[in-house]
Structure formats: C-alpha cells, structure tokens
Amino acid sequence: MDTLLDGPVSVTDRAAKRIARILAREVGASALRVSVEGGGCSGFSYKFDLVTDRADDDLVIEKNGVTVLVDQVSLPFMAGSEIDFVDDLIGQSFQVKNPNATASCGCGTSFAV
C-alpha cells in the first residue's frame, strides 16, 4: 500500500477540512474514496464515497488528519489531479482539477480524456 503526503493526487487544505467535518458526522466512516467510473455527460465521472476499509493497493493520501483513497484503476485517470472543495454562489462541492481531462461539463464531475 502506498502512503503519500504529496503524490500523484493531492488534496487542498479546504478539501481536507470539509472531509474532516463530514467524517466527524458519519459513524464508522474513516476515509473518503474518490474513484472514476464510466458515464456522465463527458464520458467519465468522479464518484465520492465514505468508506470504512481500504484495499491493499489503494493510493492513500493523508492530509491534515484525514484520509483520501484512490483505487489503482482510477489512478491513471487522476494522475496529477488536485481535489478541492469549493463554496461559492452556485453551491458547495468537491471538485477535481485534472490535468488529464481534455473536456468537462458544467456539472463539475464529468470529464473526458
């Protein structure tokens, strides 16, 4: 299992703070899993899940006391990405700034490579 503080996927301080608040309210959840799945308006979409366990080959990102997991299938699609939390007039959401994305849509969770 890889444990990285700053690796192929990073987490901003804002995102870590929000993840900590969410995990504090969820009994049993110990990490946020971010994955990529087929679908969405641009071909792929990000999925965010609260989980209690991790796979041996997960990328483990620890930031300010929180844990974010990325599975090995999703990692090539997310390499170099930054996970952020945005709170603006449109609403609150986690956003992935992905240098591999060649297109995205207005929902902020769908992308193409």
N, C-alpha and C. Protein backbone atom coordinates (compact mmCIF):
# COMPACT_ATOMS: atom_id res chain seq x y z
N MET A 1 0.86 -1.17 0.00
CA MET A 1 0.00 0.00 0.00
C MET A 1 0.90 1.23 0.00
N ASP A 2 0.61 2.18 -0.88
CA ASP A 2 1.36 3.42 -0.94
C ASP A 2 0.71 4.46 -0.04
N THR A 3 1.52 5.14 0.75
CA THR A 3 1.04 6.26 1.54
C THR A 3 1.87 7.46 1.14
N LEU A 4 1.22 8.49 0.63
CA LEU A 4 1.91 9.67 0.16
C LEU A 4 1.30 10.90 0.79
N LEU A 5 2.13 11.87 1.12
CA LEU A 5 1.62 13.15 1.59
C LEU A 5 1.36 14.05 0.40
N ASP A 6 2.27 14.09 -0.54
CA ASP A 6 2.10 14.85 -1.77
C ASP A 6 2.50 13.93 -2.90
N GLY A 7 1.53 13.40 -3.63
CA GLY A 7 1.84 12.44 -4.67
C GLY A 7 1.13 12.75 -5.95
N PRO A 8 0.81 11.72 -6.69
CA PRO A 8 0.19 11.91 -7.97
C PRO A 8 -1.19 12.56 -7.88
N VAL A 9 -1.82 12.48 -6.73
CA VAL A 9 -3.10 13.16 -6.49
C VAL A 9 -2.93 13.94 -5.19
N SER A 10 -3.36 15.19 -5.18
CA SER A 10 -3.22 15.99 -3.96
C SER A 10 -4.59 16.46 -3.48
N VAL A 11 -4.62 16.85 -2.22
CA VAL A 11 -5.83 17.32 -1.57
C VAL A 11 -5.54 18.69 -0.98
N THR A 12 -6.39 19.67 -1.26
CA THR A 12 -6.18 21.01 -0.71
C THR A 12 -6.56 21.05 0.76
N ASP A 13 -6.10 22.08 1.45
CA ASP A 13 -6.47 22.27 2.86
C ASP A 13 -7.98 22.43 3.01
N ARG A 14 -8.61 23.15 2.07
CA ARG A 14 -10.08 23.33 2.13
C ARG A 14 -10.80 22.00 2.04
N ALA A 15 -10.35 21.14 1.12
CA ALA A 15 -10.98 19.83 0.97
C ALA A 15 -10.76 18.98 2.22
N ALA A 16 -9.56 18.99 2.76
CA ALA A 16 -9.28 18.21 3.96
C ALA A 16 -10.15 18.67 5.13
N LYS A 17 -10.32 19.96 5.26
CA LYS A 17 -11.16 20.50 6.34
C LYS A 17 -12.60 20.03 6.18
N ARG A 18 -13.13 20.08 4.97
CA ARG A 18 -14.51 19.65 4.72
C ARG A 18 -14.67 18.15 4.93
N ILE A 19 -13.69 17.37 4.47
CA ILE A 19 -13.73 15.92 4.66
C ILE A 19 -13.76 15.60 6.15
N ALA A 20 -12.95 16.30 6.94
CA ALA A 20 -12.93 16.08 8.39
C ALA A 20 -14.30 16.34 9.00
N ARG A 21 -14.96 17.40 8.57
CA ARG A 21 -16.30 17.72 9.09
C ARG A 21 -17.31 16.63 8.72
N ILE A 22 -17.22 16.14 7.49
CA ILE A 22 -18.15 15.09 7.04
C ILE A 22 -17.90 13.79 7.80
N LEU A 23 -16.62 13.39 7.92
CA LEU A 23 -16.30 12.14 8.60
C LEU A 23 -16.68 12.19 10.08
N ALA A 24 -16.62 13.37 10.69
CA ALA A 24 -16.98 13.50 12.11
C ALA A 24 -18.46 13.18 12.35
N ARG A 25 -19.28 13.39 11.32
CA ARG A 25 -20.73 13.13 11.44
C ARG A 25 -21.12 11.71 11.03
N GLU A 26 -20.24 11.00 10.35
CA GLU A 26 -20.56 9.68 9.83
C GLU A 26 -19.97 8.58 10.71
N VAL A 27 -20.81 7.90 11.44
CA VAL A 27 -20.36 6.83 12.33
C VAL A 27 -19.75 5.70 11.51
N GLY A 28 -18.54 5.34 11.85
CA GLY A 28 -17.88 4.21 11.20
C GLY A 28 -17.06 4.56 9.98
N ALA A 29 -17.33 5.66 9.32
CA ALA A 29 -16.56 6.02 8.13
C ALA A 29 -15.19 6.56 8.56
N SER A 30 -14.16 6.13 7.85
CA SER A 30 -12.81 6.55 8.22
C SER A 30 -12.06 7.24 7.09
N ALA A 31 -12.62 7.24 5.87
CA ALA A 31 -11.92 7.83 4.74
C ALA A 31 -12.91 8.22 3.64
N LEU A 32 -12.45 9.09 2.76
CA LEU A 32 -13.19 9.44 1.55
C LEU A 32 -12.54 8.73 0.38
N ARG A 33 -13.30 7.94 -0.35
CA ARG A 33 -12.79 7.28 -1.56
C ARG A 33 -13.24 8.09 -2.77
N VAL A 34 -12.26 8.43 -3.61
CA VAL A 34 -12.55 9.12 -4.87
C VAL A 34 -12.19 8.14 -5.98
N SER A 35 -13.14 7.92 -6.88
CA SER A 35 -12.91 6.99 -7.97
C SER A 35 -13.45 7.55 -9.27
N VAL A 36 -13.08 6.91 -10.35
CA VAL A 36 -13.53 7.30 -11.69
C VAL A 36 -14.37 6.15 -12.23
N GLU A 37 -15.52 6.48 -12.79
CA GLU A 37 -16.35 5.45 -13.41
C GLU A 37 -16.84 5.94 -14.76
N GLY A 38 -17.19 5.01 -15.62
CA GLY A 38 -17.73 5.36 -16.92
C GLY A 38 -19.10 5.99 -16.79
N GLY A 39 -19.39 6.93 -17.65
CA GLY A 39 -20.69 7.60 -17.62
C GLY A 39 -20.53 9.10 -17.49
N GLY A 40 -21.63 9.75 -17.27
CA GLY A 40 -21.59 11.21 -17.20
C GLY A 40 -21.68 11.79 -18.59
N CYS A 41 -21.88 13.08 -18.67
CA CYS A 41 -22.09 13.71 -19.97
C CYS A 41 -20.82 13.81 -20.81
N SER A 42 -19.65 13.63 -20.20
CA SER A 42 -18.41 13.73 -20.98
C SER A 42 -17.67 12.40 -21.11
N GLY A 43 -18.22 11.32 -20.60
CA GLY A 43 -17.59 10.02 -20.77
C GLY A 43 -17.17 9.35 -19.47
N PHE A 44 -16.61 10.11 -18.54
CA PHE A 44 -16.21 9.60 -17.23
C PHE A 44 -16.75 10.54 -16.17
N SER A 45 -16.92 9.99 -14.96
CA SER A 45 -17.34 10.86 -13.86
C SER A 45 -16.62 10.45 -12.58
N TYR A 46 -16.51 11.41 -11.68
CA TYR A 46 -15.90 11.16 -10.37
C TYR A 46 -16.98 10.68 -9.42
N LYS A 47 -16.60 9.78 -8.56
CA LYS A 47 -17.51 9.26 -7.54
C LYS A 47 -16.84 9.47 -6.18
N PHE A 48 -17.61 9.95 -5.22
CA PHE A 48 -17.11 10.20 -3.87
C PHE A 48 -17.91 9.34 -2.90
N ASP A 49 -17.22 8.52 -2.12
CA ASP A 49 -17.88 7.62 -1.17
C ASP A 49 -17.16 7.69 0.18
N LEU A 50 -17.93 7.63 1.25
CA LEU A 50 -17.37 7.47 2.58
C LEU A 50 -17.22 5.98 2.83
N VAL A 51 -16.03 5.56 3.27
CA VAL A 51 -15.75 4.14 3.43
C VAL A 51 -15.11 3.85 4.78
N THR A 52 -15.16 2.57 5.14
CA THR A 52 -14.55 2.13 6.39
C THR A 52 -13.29 1.31 6.14
N ASP A 53 -13.13 0.80 4.92
CA ASP A 53 -11.98 -0.05 4.65
C ASP A 53 -11.24 0.41 3.41
N ARG A 54 -10.04 -0.11 3.26
CA ARG A 54 -9.23 0.22 2.10
C ARG A 54 -8.64 -1.05 1.52
N ALA A 55 -8.34 -1.00 0.23
CA ALA A 55 -7.69 -2.13 -0.44
C ALA A 55 -6.18 -2.00 -0.26
N ASP A 56 -5.51 -3.14 -0.33
CA ASP A 56 -4.05 -3.14 -0.15
C ASP A 56 -3.33 -2.28 -1.17
N ASP A 57 -3.90 -2.15 -2.38
CA ASP A 57 -3.22 -1.40 -3.43
C ASP A 57 -3.77 0.01 -3.63
N ASP A 58 -4.61 0.50 -2.72
CA ASP A 58 -5.11 1.88 -2.82
C ASP A 58 -3.98 2.88 -2.66
N LEU A 59 -4.09 3.99 -3.37
CA LEU A 59 -3.26 5.14 -3.08
C LEU A 59 -3.88 5.80 -1.87
N VAL A 60 -3.10 6.01 -0.82
CA VAL A 60 -3.58 6.60 0.42
C VAL A 60 -2.98 7.98 0.54
N ILE A 61 -3.84 8.99 0.59
CA ILE A 61 -3.39 10.37 0.73
C ILE A 61 -3.83 10.85 2.10
N GLU A 62 -2.87 11.26 2.91
CA GLU A 62 -3.19 11.77 4.24
C GLU A 62 -2.90 13.25 4.28
N LYS A 63 -3.90 14.01 4.70
CA LYS A 63 -3.76 15.47 4.73
C LYS A 63 -4.49 16.01 5.95
N ASN A 64 -3.79 16.70 6.80
CA ASN A 64 -4.38 17.34 7.98
C ASN A 64 -5.27 16.39 8.78
N GLY A 65 -4.84 15.15 8.93
CA GLY A 65 -5.56 14.19 9.75
C GLY A 65 -6.68 13.43 9.06
N VAL A 66 -6.91 13.66 7.77
CA VAL A 66 -7.94 12.91 7.04
C VAL A 66 -7.28 12.02 6.00
N THR A 67 -8.02 11.00 5.59
CA THR A 67 -7.52 10.04 4.61
C THR A 67 -8.41 10.05 3.38
N VAL A 68 -7.76 10.14 2.22
CA VAL A 68 -8.45 10.04 0.93
C VAL A 68 -7.84 8.84 0.21
N LEU A 69 -8.69 8.01 -0.36
CA LEU A 69 -8.25 6.81 -1.06
C LEU A 69 -8.58 6.90 -2.54
N VAL A 70 -7.66 6.41 -3.37
CA VAL A 70 -7.89 6.31 -4.82
C VAL A 70 -7.47 4.91 -5.23
N ASP A 71 -8.38 4.19 -5.89
CA ASP A 71 -8.06 2.83 -6.32
C ASP A 71 -7.13 2.84 -7.53
N GLN A 72 -6.48 1.72 -7.77
CA GLN A 72 -5.49 1.62 -8.84
C GLN A 72 -6.09 1.74 -10.24
N VAL A 73 -7.35 1.39 -10.42
CA VAL A 73 -8.00 1.54 -11.72
C VAL A 73 -8.23 3.02 -12.03
N SER A 74 -8.59 3.80 -11.02
CA SER A 74 -8.88 5.23 -11.21
C SER A 74 -7.62 6.08 -11.29
N LEU A 75 -6.55 5.61 -10.68
CA LEU A 75 -5.34 6.43 -10.57
C LEU A 75 -4.79 6.94 -11.90
N PRO A 76 -4.71 6.14 -12.97
CA PRO A 76 -4.20 6.69 -14.23
C PRO A 76 -5.04 7.85 -14.77
N PHE A 77 -6.34 7.84 -14.51
CA PHE A 77 -7.21 8.91 -14.97
C PHE A 77 -7.05 10.17 -14.12
N MET A 78 -6.56 10.00 -12.88
CA MET A 78 -6.48 11.12 -11.94
C MET A 78 -5.06 11.60 -11.67
N ALA A 79 -4.07 10.99 -12.29
CA ALA A 79 -2.68 11.35 -12.01
C ALA A 79 -2.45 12.85 -12.17
N GLY A 80 -1.86 13.47 -11.16
CA GLY A 80 -1.58 14.90 -11.20
C GLY A 80 -2.76 15.77 -10.79
N SER A 81 -3.87 15.17 -10.41
CA SER A 81 -5.07 15.94 -10.06
C SER A 81 -5.00 16.52 -8.66
N GLU A 82 -5.80 17.56 -8.46
CA GLU A 82 -5.95 18.17 -7.15
C GLU A 82 -7.42 18.12 -6.77
N ILE A 83 -7.70 17.58 -5.59
CA ILE A 83 -9.07 17.52 -5.07
C ILE A 83 -9.27 18.74 -4.18
N ASP A 84 -10.28 19.54 -4.50
CA ASP A 84 -10.54 20.78 -3.78
C ASP A 84 -12.00 20.80 -3.33
N PHE A 85 -12.31 21.68 -2.41
CA PHE A 85 -13.69 21.91 -2.00
C PHE A 85 -14.00 23.37 -2.28
N VAL A 86 -15.09 23.61 -3.00
CA VAL A 86 -15.46 24.96 -3.41
C VAL A 86 -16.81 25.31 -2.80
N ASP A 87 -16.90 26.50 -2.24
CA ASP A 87 -18.14 27.01 -1.67
C ASP A 87 -18.36 28.38 -2.30
N ASP A 88 -19.24 28.45 -3.31
CA ASP A 88 -19.49 29.71 -4.00
C ASP A 88 -20.98 29.93 -4.19
N LEU A 89 -21.36 30.91 -4.97
CA LEU A 89 -22.77 31.23 -5.17
C LEU A 89 -23.57 30.08 -5.78
N ILE A 90 -22.92 29.27 -6.58
CA ILE A 90 -23.59 28.14 -7.23
C ILE A 90 -23.86 27.02 -6.24
N GLY A 91 -23.02 26.89 -5.23
CA GLY A 91 -23.20 25.84 -4.23
C GLY A 91 -21.87 25.34 -3.72
N GLN A 92 -21.95 24.28 -2.94
CA GLN A 92 -20.77 23.65 -2.37
C GLN A 92 -20.53 22.31 -3.06
N SER A 93 -19.25 22.03 -3.36
CA SER A 93 -18.95 20.75 -3.97
C SER A 93 -17.46 20.46 -3.92
N PHE A 94 -17.15 19.17 -3.96
CA PHE A 94 -15.77 18.77 -4.18
C PHE A 94 -15.52 18.87 -5.68
N GLN A 95 -14.37 19.38 -6.05
CA GLN A 95 -14.00 19.49 -7.46
C GLN A 95 -12.62 18.89 -7.66
N VAL A 96 -12.46 18.21 -8.78
CA VAL A 96 -11.18 17.62 -9.13
C VAL A 96 -10.60 18.42 -10.28
N LYS A 97 -9.46 19.05 -10.03
CA LYS A 97 -8.75 19.77 -11.09
C LYS A 97 -7.79 18.76 -11.72
N ASN A 98 -8.17 18.28 -12.90
CA ASN A 98 -7.49 17.16 -13.54
C ASN A 98 -6.76 17.61 -14.80
N PRO A 99 -5.42 17.55 -14.81
CA PRO A 99 -4.67 17.96 -16.00
C PRO A 99 -4.83 17.00 -17.17
N ASN A 100 -5.37 15.81 -16.93
CA ASN A 100 -5.57 14.82 -17.99
C ASN A 100 -6.87 15.01 -18.74
N ALA A 101 -7.79 15.79 -18.19
CA ALA A 101 -9.10 15.97 -18.79
C ALA A 101 -8.98 16.86 -20.03
N THR A 102 -9.51 16.37 -21.14
CA THR A 102 -9.50 17.16 -22.37
C THR A 102 -10.80 17.93 -22.55
N ALA A 103 -11.83 17.51 -21.80
CA ALA A 103 -13.12 18.19 -21.84
C ALA A 103 -13.83 17.91 -20.53
N SER A 104 -14.71 18.81 -20.16
CA SER A 104 -15.54 18.59 -18.97
C SER A 104 -16.88 19.27 -19.21
N CYS A 105 -17.79 19.07 -18.29
CA CYS A 105 -19.10 19.69 -18.46
C CYS A 105 -19.43 20.55 -17.26
N GLY A 106 -20.55 21.21 -17.31
CA GLY A 106 -20.93 22.16 -16.28
C GLY A 106 -21.18 21.55 -14.92
N CYS A 107 -21.42 20.25 -14.84
CA CYS A 107 -21.72 19.63 -13.55
C CYS A 107 -20.49 19.55 -12.66
N GLY A 108 -19.30 19.62 -13.26
CA GLY A 108 -18.06 19.59 -12.49
C GLY A 108 -17.60 18.21 -12.09
N THR A 109 -18.37 17.16 -12.38
CA THR A 109 -17.96 15.82 -12.02
C THR A 109 -17.77 14.91 -13.22
N SER A 110 -17.98 15.42 -14.42
CA SER A 110 -17.86 14.62 -15.63
C SER A 110 -16.72 15.16 -16.49
N PHE A 111 -15.96 14.24 -17.09
CA PHE A 111 -14.81 14.67 -17.89
C PHE A 111 -14.50 13.65 -18.98
N ALA A 112 -13.67 14.06 -19.93
CA ALA A 112 -13.19 13.18 -21.00
C ALA A 112 -11.67 13.23 -21.01
N VAL A 113 -11.05 12.14 -21.44
CA VAL A 113 -9.58 12.10 -21.57
C VAL A 113 -9.22 11.76 -22.99
